[in-house]
Amino acid sequence: MKISTAKVKETLMEKLALGAPFLNQSVTNKLTSSLAMFALCSMPDIWPEPIHDLATTWSDQPELLLR
């Protein structure tokens, strides 16, 4: 079973975009987002520039960029 890099990117972006809607879960959001970003940066063969791509994709949604 071969998984395409586009599908991996799509899944990771979807998971990053979903966050806890309540303020008391903001620490959990930050830890989860930080772990996800670390994982993305550790896979340059799948996603060479994850931070740039996410910032570009979410440029019109600042609430996602702040997560």
PDB file of N, CA and C in Angstrom:
ATOM      1  N   MET A   1       0.848  -1.180   0.000  1.00  0.00           N
ATOM      2  CA  MET A   1       0.000   0.000   0.000  1.00  0.00           C
ATOM      3  C   MET A   1       0.885   1.231   0.000  1.00  0.00           C
ATOM      4  N   LYS A   2       0.782   2.032  -1.033  1.00  0.00           N
ATOM      5  CA  LYS A   2       1.586   3.238  -1.140  1.00  0.00           C
ATOM      6  C   LYS A   2       0.715   4.458  -0.853  1.00  0.00           C
ATOM      7  N   ILE A   3       1.192   5.290   0.055  1.00  0.00           N
ATOM      8  CA  ILE A   3       0.475   6.508   0.410  1.00  0.00           C
ATOM      9  C   ILE A   3       1.164   7.677  -0.277  1.00  0.00           C
ATOM     10  N   SER A   4       0.396   8.485  -0.970  1.00  0.00           N
ATOM     11  CA  SER A   4       0.987   9.614  -1.684  1.00  0.00           C
ATOM     12  C   SER A   4       1.351  10.732  -0.718  1.00  0.00           C
ATOM     13  N   THR A   5       2.378  11.485  -1.069  1.00  0.00           N
ATOM     14  CA  THR A   5       2.792  12.610  -0.226  1.00  0.00           C
ATOM     15  C   THR A   5       1.709  13.680  -0.180  1.00  0.00           C
ATOM     16  N   ALA A   6       0.940  13.824  -1.249  1.00  0.00           N
ATOM     17  CA  ALA A   6      -0.154  14.803  -1.252  1.00  0.00           C
ATOM     18  C   ALA A   6      -1.199  14.436  -0.199  1.00  0.00           C
ATOM     19  N   LYS A   7      -1.489  13.149  -0.064  1.00  0.00           N
ATOM     20  CA  LYS A   7      -2.463  12.704   0.935  1.00  0.00           C
ATOM     21  C   LYS A   7      -1.919  12.927   2.344  1.00  0.00           C
ATOM     22  N   VAL A   8      -0.628  12.697   2.548  1.00  0.00           N
ATOM     23  CA  VAL A   8      -0.014  12.940   3.855  1.00  0.00           C
ATOM     24  C   VAL A   8      -0.117  14.421   4.198  1.00  0.00           C
ATOM     25  N   LYS A   9       0.231  15.290   3.246  1.00  0.00           N
ATOM     26  CA  LYS A   9       0.129  16.737   3.467  1.00  0.00           C
ATOM     27  C   LYS A   9      -1.302  17.139   3.799  1.00  0.00           C
ATOM     28  N   GLU A  10      -2.251  16.637   3.028  1.00  0.00           N
ATOM     29  CA  GLU A  10      -3.657  16.980   3.238  1.00  0.00           C
ATOM     30  C   GLU A  10      -4.120  16.563   4.635  1.00  0.00           C
ATOM     31  N   THR A  11      -3.760  15.369   5.049  1.00  0.00           N
ATOM     32  CA  THR A  11      -4.149  14.875   6.370  1.00  0.00           C
ATOM     33  C   THR A  11      -3.516  15.699   7.473  1.00  0.00           C
ATOM     34  N   LEU A  12      -2.229  16.002   7.344  1.00  0.00           N
ATOM     35  CA  LEU A  12      -1.545  16.785   8.369  1.00  0.00           C
ATOM     36  C   LEU A  12      -2.116  18.199   8.459  1.00  0.00           C
ATOM     37  N   MET A  13      -2.411  18.817   7.333  1.00  0.00           N
ATOM     38  CA  MET A  13      -2.994  20.162   7.356  1.00  0.00           C
ATOM     39  C   MET A  13      -4.381  20.144   7.990  1.00  0.00           C
ATOM     40  N   GLU A  14      -5.144  19.105   7.700  1.00  0.00           N
ATOM     41  CA  GLU A  14      -6.475  18.987   8.296  1.00  0.00           C
ATOM     42  C   GLU A  14      -6.372  18.846   9.814  1.00  0.00           C
ATOM     43  N   LYS A  15      -5.454  18.014  10.279  1.00  0.00           N
ATOM     44  CA  LYS A  15      -5.295  17.812  11.719  1.00  0.00           C
ATOM     45  C   LYS A  15      -4.793  19.077  12.406  1.00  0.00           C
ATOM     46  N   LEU A  16      -3.912  19.811  11.751  1.00  0.00           N
ATOM     47  CA  LEU A  16      -3.428  21.063  12.331  1.00  0.00           C
ATOM     48  C   LEU A  16      -4.521  22.122  12.364  1.00  0.00           C
ATOM     49  N   ALA A  17      -5.388  22.113  11.360  1.00  0.00           N
ATOM     50  CA  ALA A  17      -6.448  23.119  11.306  1.00  0.00           C
ATOM     51  C   ALA A  17      -7.516  22.883  12.367  1.00  0.00           C
ATOM     52  N   LEU A  18      -7.691  21.630  12.747  1.00  0.00           N
ATOM     53  CA  LEU A  18      -8.670  21.319  13.788  1.00  0.00           C
ATOM     54  C   LEU A  18      -8.032  21.590  15.138  1.00  0.00           C
ATOM     55  N   GLY A  19      -8.694  22.335  15.951  1.00  0.00           N
ATOM     56  CA  GLY A  19      -8.147  22.622  17.270  1.00  0.00           C
ATOM     57  C   GLY A  19      -9.242  22.656  18.302  1.00  0.00           C
ATOM     58  N   ALA A  20      -8.851  22.629  19.532  1.00  0.00           N
ATOM     59  CA  ALA A  20      -9.834  22.711  20.609  1.00  0.00           C
ATOM     60  C   ALA A  20     -10.472  24.095  20.593  1.00  0.00           C
ATOM     61  N   PRO A  21     -11.783  24.174  20.608  1.00  0.00           N
ATOM     62  CA  PRO A  21     -12.465  25.463  20.505  1.00  0.00           C
ATOM     63  C   PRO A  21     -12.532  26.247  21.814  1.00  0.00           C
ATOM     64  N   PHE A  22     -12.082  25.671  22.892  1.00  0.00           N
ATOM     65  CA  PHE A  22     -12.215  26.328  24.189  1.00  0.00           C
ATOM     66  C   PHE A  22     -10.876  26.825  24.697  1.00  0.00           C
ATOM     67  N   LEU A  23     -10.893  27.947  25.383  1.00  0.00           N
ATOM     68  CA  LEU A  23      -9.678  28.570  25.882  1.00  0.00           C
ATOM     69  C   LEU A  23      -8.922  27.666  26.848  1.00  0.00           C
ATOM     70  N   ASN A  24      -9.633  26.900  27.683  1.00  0.00           N
ATOM     71  CA  ASN A  24      -8.944  26.056  28.654  1.00  0.00           C
ATOM     72  C   ASN A  24      -8.173  24.919  27.999  1.00  0.00           C
ATOM     73  N   GLN A  25      -8.346  24.738  26.710  1.00  0.00           N
ATOM     74  CA  GLN A  25      -7.595  23.719  25.995  1.00  0.00           C
ATOM     75  C   GLN A  25      -6.495  24.327  25.134  1.00  0.00           C
ATOM     76  N   SER A  26      -6.234  25.626  25.308  1.00  0.00           N
ATOM     77  CA  SER A  26      -5.250  26.288  24.455  1.00  0.00           C
ATOM     78  C   SER A  26      -3.840  25.756  24.684  1.00  0.00           C
ATOM     79  N   VAL A  27      -3.504  25.374  25.913  1.00  0.00           N
ATOM     80  CA  VAL A  27      -2.178  24.801  26.175  1.00  0.00           C
ATOM     81  C   VAL A  27      -2.039  23.481  25.434  1.00  0.00           C
ATOM     82  N   THR A  28      -3.088  22.681  25.467  1.00  0.00           N
ATOM     83  CA  THR A  28      -3.076  21.422  24.726  1.00  0.00           C
ATOM     84  C   THR A  28      -2.931  21.687  23.235  1.00  0.00           C
ATOM     85  N   ASN A  29      -3.616  22.711  22.731  1.00  0.00           N
ATOM     86  CA  ASN A  29      -3.490  23.081  21.317  1.00  0.00           C
ATOM     87  C   ASN A  29      -2.048  23.410  20.963  1.00  0.00           C
ATOM     88  N   LYS A  30      -1.408  24.226  21.792  1.00  0.00           N
ATOM     89  CA  LYS A  30      -0.029  24.645  21.508  1.00  0.00           C
ATOM     90  C   LYS A  30       0.911  23.451  21.520  1.00  0.00           C
ATOM     91  N   LEU A  31       0.753  22.562  22.502  1.00  0.00           N
ATOM     92  CA  LEU A  31       1.617  21.383  22.568  1.00  0.00           C
ATOM     93  C   LEU A  31       1.394  20.468  21.373  1.00  0.00           C
ATOM     94  N   THR A  32       0.138  20.272  21.014  1.00  0.00           N
ATOM     95  CA  THR A  32      -0.179  19.426  19.866  1.00  0.00           C
ATOM     96  C   THR A  32       0.356  20.040  18.575  1.00  0.00           C
ATOM     97  N   SER A  33       0.156  21.336  18.403  1.00  0.00           N
ATOM     98  CA  SER A  33       0.653  22.015  17.202  1.00  0.00           C
ATOM     99  C   SER A  33       2.171  21.984  17.138  1.00  0.00           C
ATOM    100  N   SER A  34       2.814  22.176  18.273  1.00  0.00           N
ATOM    101  CA  SER A  34       4.280  22.144  18.308  1.00  0.00           C
ATOM    102  C   SER A  34       4.801  20.768  17.938  1.00  0.00           C
ATOM    103  N   LEU A  35       4.167  19.734  18.459  1.00  0.00           N
ATOM    104  CA  LEU A  35       4.576  18.375  18.125  1.00  0.00           C
ATOM    105  C   LEU A  35       4.349  18.096  16.642  1.00  0.00           C
ATOM    106  N   ALA A  36       3.218  18.558  16.117  1.00  0.00           N
ATOM    107  CA  ALA A  36       2.931  18.362  14.693  1.00  0.00           C
ATOM    108  C   ALA A  36       3.954  19.088  13.823  1.00  0.00           C
ATOM    109  N   MET A  37       4.312  20.317  14.194  1.00  0.00           N
ATOM    110  CA  MET A  37       5.301  21.070  13.416  1.00  0.00           C
ATOM    111  C   MET A  37       6.670  20.406  13.492  1.00  0.00           C
ATOM    112  N   PHE A  38       7.026  19.885  14.661  1.00  0.00           N
ATOM    113  CA  PHE A  38       8.292  19.159  14.793  1.00  0.00           C
ATOM    114  C   PHE A  38       8.295  17.940  13.873  1.00  0.00           C
ATOM    115  N   ALA A  39       7.182  17.215  13.861  1.00  0.00           N
ATOM    116  CA  ALA A  39       7.083  16.039  13.001  1.00  0.00           C
ATOM    117  C   ALA A  39       7.189  16.433  11.530  1.00  0.00           C
ATOM    118  N   LEU A  40       6.512  17.513  11.141  1.00  0.00           N
ATOM    119  CA  LEU A  40       6.573  17.963   9.748  1.00  0.00           C
ATOM    120  C   LEU A  40       7.988  18.355   9.348  1.00  0.00           C
ATOM    121  N   CYS A  41       8.669  19.062  10.225  1.00  0.00           N
ATOM    122  CA  CYS A  41      10.030  19.502   9.912  1.00  0.00           C
ATOM    123  C   CYS A  41      11.015  18.339   9.907  1.00  0.00           C
ATOM    124  N   SER A  42      10.617  17.217  10.493  1.00  0.00           N
ATOM    125  CA  SER A  42      11.477  16.034  10.530  1.00  0.00           C
ATOM    126  C   SER A  42      11.303  15.153   9.300  1.00  0.00           C
ATOM    127  N   MET A  43      10.411  15.536   8.390  1.00  0.00           N
ATOM    128  CA  MET A  43      10.133  14.736   7.198  1.00  0.00           C
ATOM    129  C   MET A  43      10.329  15.556   5.930  1.00  0.00           C
ATOM    130  N   PRO A  44      11.546  16.029   5.656  1.00  0.00           N
ATOM    131  CA  PRO A  44      11.749  16.894   4.486  1.00  0.00           C
ATOM    132  C   PRO A  44      11.472  16.211   3.152  1.00  0.00           C
ATOM    133  N   ASP A  45      11.551  14.884   3.104  1.00  0.00           N
ATOM    134  CA  ASP A  45      11.264  14.195   1.849  1.00  0.00           C
ATOM    135  C   ASP A  45       9.766  14.178   1.537  1.00  0.00           C
ATOM    136  N   ILE A  46       8.926  14.324   2.554  1.00  0.00           N
ATOM    137  CA  ILE A  46       7.481  14.369   2.350  1.00  0.00           C
ATOM    138  C   ILE A  46       7.000  15.803   2.175  1.00  0.00           C
ATOM    139  N   TRP A  47       7.537  16.703   3.004  1.00  0.00           N
ATOM    140  CA  TRP A  47       7.097  18.097   2.963  1.00  0.00           C
ATOM    141  C   TRP A  47       8.303  18.985   3.209  1.00  0.00           C
ATOM    142  N   PRO A  48       8.960  19.467   2.148  1.00  0.00           N
ATOM    143  CA  PRO A  48      10.214  20.209   2.289  1.00  0.00           C
ATOM    144  C   PRO A  48      10.094  21.540   3.033  1.00  0.00           C
ATOM    145  N   GLU A  49       8.992  22.263   2.884  1.00  0.00           N
ATOM    146  CA  GLU A  49       8.846  23.578   3.519  1.00  0.00           C
ATOM    147  C   GLU A  49       7.472  23.700   4.187  1.00  0.00           C
ATOM    148  N   PRO A  50       7.244  22.959   5.271  1.00  0.00           N
ATOM    149  CA  PRO A  50       5.904  22.951   5.865  1.00  0.00           C
ATOM    150  C   PRO A  50       5.468  24.292   6.441  1.00  0.00           C
ATOM    151  N   ILE A  51       6.358  25.006   7.093  1.00  0.00           N
ATOM    152  CA  ILE A  51       5.971  26.265   7.727  1.00  0.00           C
ATOM    153  C   ILE A  51       5.580  27.296   6.670  1.00  0.00           C
ATOM    154  N   HIS A  52       6.376  27.406   5.635  1.00  0.00           N
ATOM    155  CA  HIS A  52       6.064  28.337   4.539  1.00  0.00           C
ATOM    156  C   HIS A  52       4.739  27.970   3.875  1.00  0.00           C
ATOM    157  N   ASP A  53       4.549  26.694   3.592  1.00  0.00           N
ATOM    158  CA  ASP A  53       3.323  26.255   2.930  1.00  0.00           C
ATOM    159  C   ASP A  53       2.088  26.503   3.792  1.00  0.00           C
ATOM    160  N   LEU A  54       2.189  26.222   5.088  1.00  0.00           N
ATOM    161  CA  LEU A  54       1.052  26.456   5.981  1.00  0.00           C
ATOM    162  C   LEU A  54       0.749  27.943   6.102  1.00  0.00           C
ATOM    163  N   ALA A  55       1.787  28.751   6.230  1.00  0.00           N
ATOM    164  CA  ALA A  55       1.582  30.201   6.339  1.00  0.00           C
ATOM    165  C   ALA A  55       0.925  30.752   5.078  1.00  0.00           C
ATOM    166  N   THR A  56       1.324  30.253   3.933  1.00  0.00           N
ATOM    167  CA  THR A  56       0.730  30.691   2.670  1.00  0.00           C
ATOM    168  C   THR A  56      -0.720  30.224   2.550  1.00  0.00           C
ATOM    169  N   THR A  57      -0.961  28.977   2.887  1.00  0.00           N
ATOM    170  CA  THR A  57      -2.304  28.415   2.777  1.00  0.00           C
ATOM    171  C   THR A  57      -3.279  29.081   3.732  1.00  0.00           C
ATOM    172  N   TRP A  58      -2.811  29.371   4.951  1.00  0.00           N
ATOM    173  CA  TRP A  58      -3.685  29.926   5.981  1.00  0.00           C
ATOM    174  C   TRP A  58      -3.542  31.434   6.125  1.00  0.00           C
ATOM    175  N   SER A  59      -2.984  32.120   5.154  1.00  0.00           N
ATOM    176  CA  SER A  59      -2.752  33.563   5.275  1.00  0.00           C
ATOM    177  C   SER A  59      -4.046  34.353   5.487  1.00  0.00           C
ATOM    178  N   ASP A  60      -5.152  33.837   4.993  1.00  0.00           N
ATOM    179  CA  ASP A  60      -6.432  34.523   5.176  1.00  0.00           C
ATOM    180  C   ASP A  60      -7.192  34.055   6.420  1.00  0.00           C
ATOM    181  N   GLN A  61      -6.555  33.185   7.220  1.00  0.00           N
ATOM    182  CA  GLN A  61      -7.179  32.668   8.441  1.00  0.00           C
ATOM    183  C   GLN A  61      -6.214  32.830   9.616  1.00  0.00           C
ATOM    184  N   PRO A  62      -6.062  34.039  10.134  1.00  0.00           N
ATOM    185  CA  PRO A  62      -5.066  34.279  11.185  1.00  0.00           C
ATOM    186  C   PRO A  62      -5.279  33.454  12.446  1.00  0.00           C
ATOM    187  N   GLU A  63      -6.528  33.046  12.717  1.00  0.00           N
ATOM    188  CA  GLU A  63      -6.763  32.241  13.912  1.00  0.00           C
ATOM    189  C   GLU A  63      -6.067  30.886  13.820  1.00  0.00           C
ATOM    190  N   LEU A  64      -5.911  30.360  12.601  1.00  0.00           N
ATOM    191  CA  LEU A  64      -5.180  29.105  12.426  1.00  0.00           C
ATOM    192  C   LEU A  64      -3.684  29.321  12.592  1.00  0.00           C
ATOM    193  N   LEU A  65      -3.188  30.450  12.121  1.00  0.00           N
ATOM    194  CA  LEU A  65      -1.756  30.730  12.248  1.00  0.00           C
ATOM    195  C   LEU A  65      -1.345  30.922  13.698  1.00  0.00           C
ATOM    196  N   LEU A  66      -2.261  31.378  14.532  1.00  0.00           N
ATOM    197  CA  LEU A  66      -1.950  31.599  15.941  1.00  0.00           C
ATOM    198  C   LEU A  66      -1.975  30.324  16.767  1.00  0.00           C
ATOM    199  N   ARG A  67      -2.526  29.258  16.236  1.00  0.00           N
ATOM    200  CA  ARG A  67      -2.612  28.007  17.005  1.00  0.00           C
ATOM    201  C   ARG A  67      -1.280  27.372  17.165  1.00  0.00           C
TER     202      ARG A  67
END
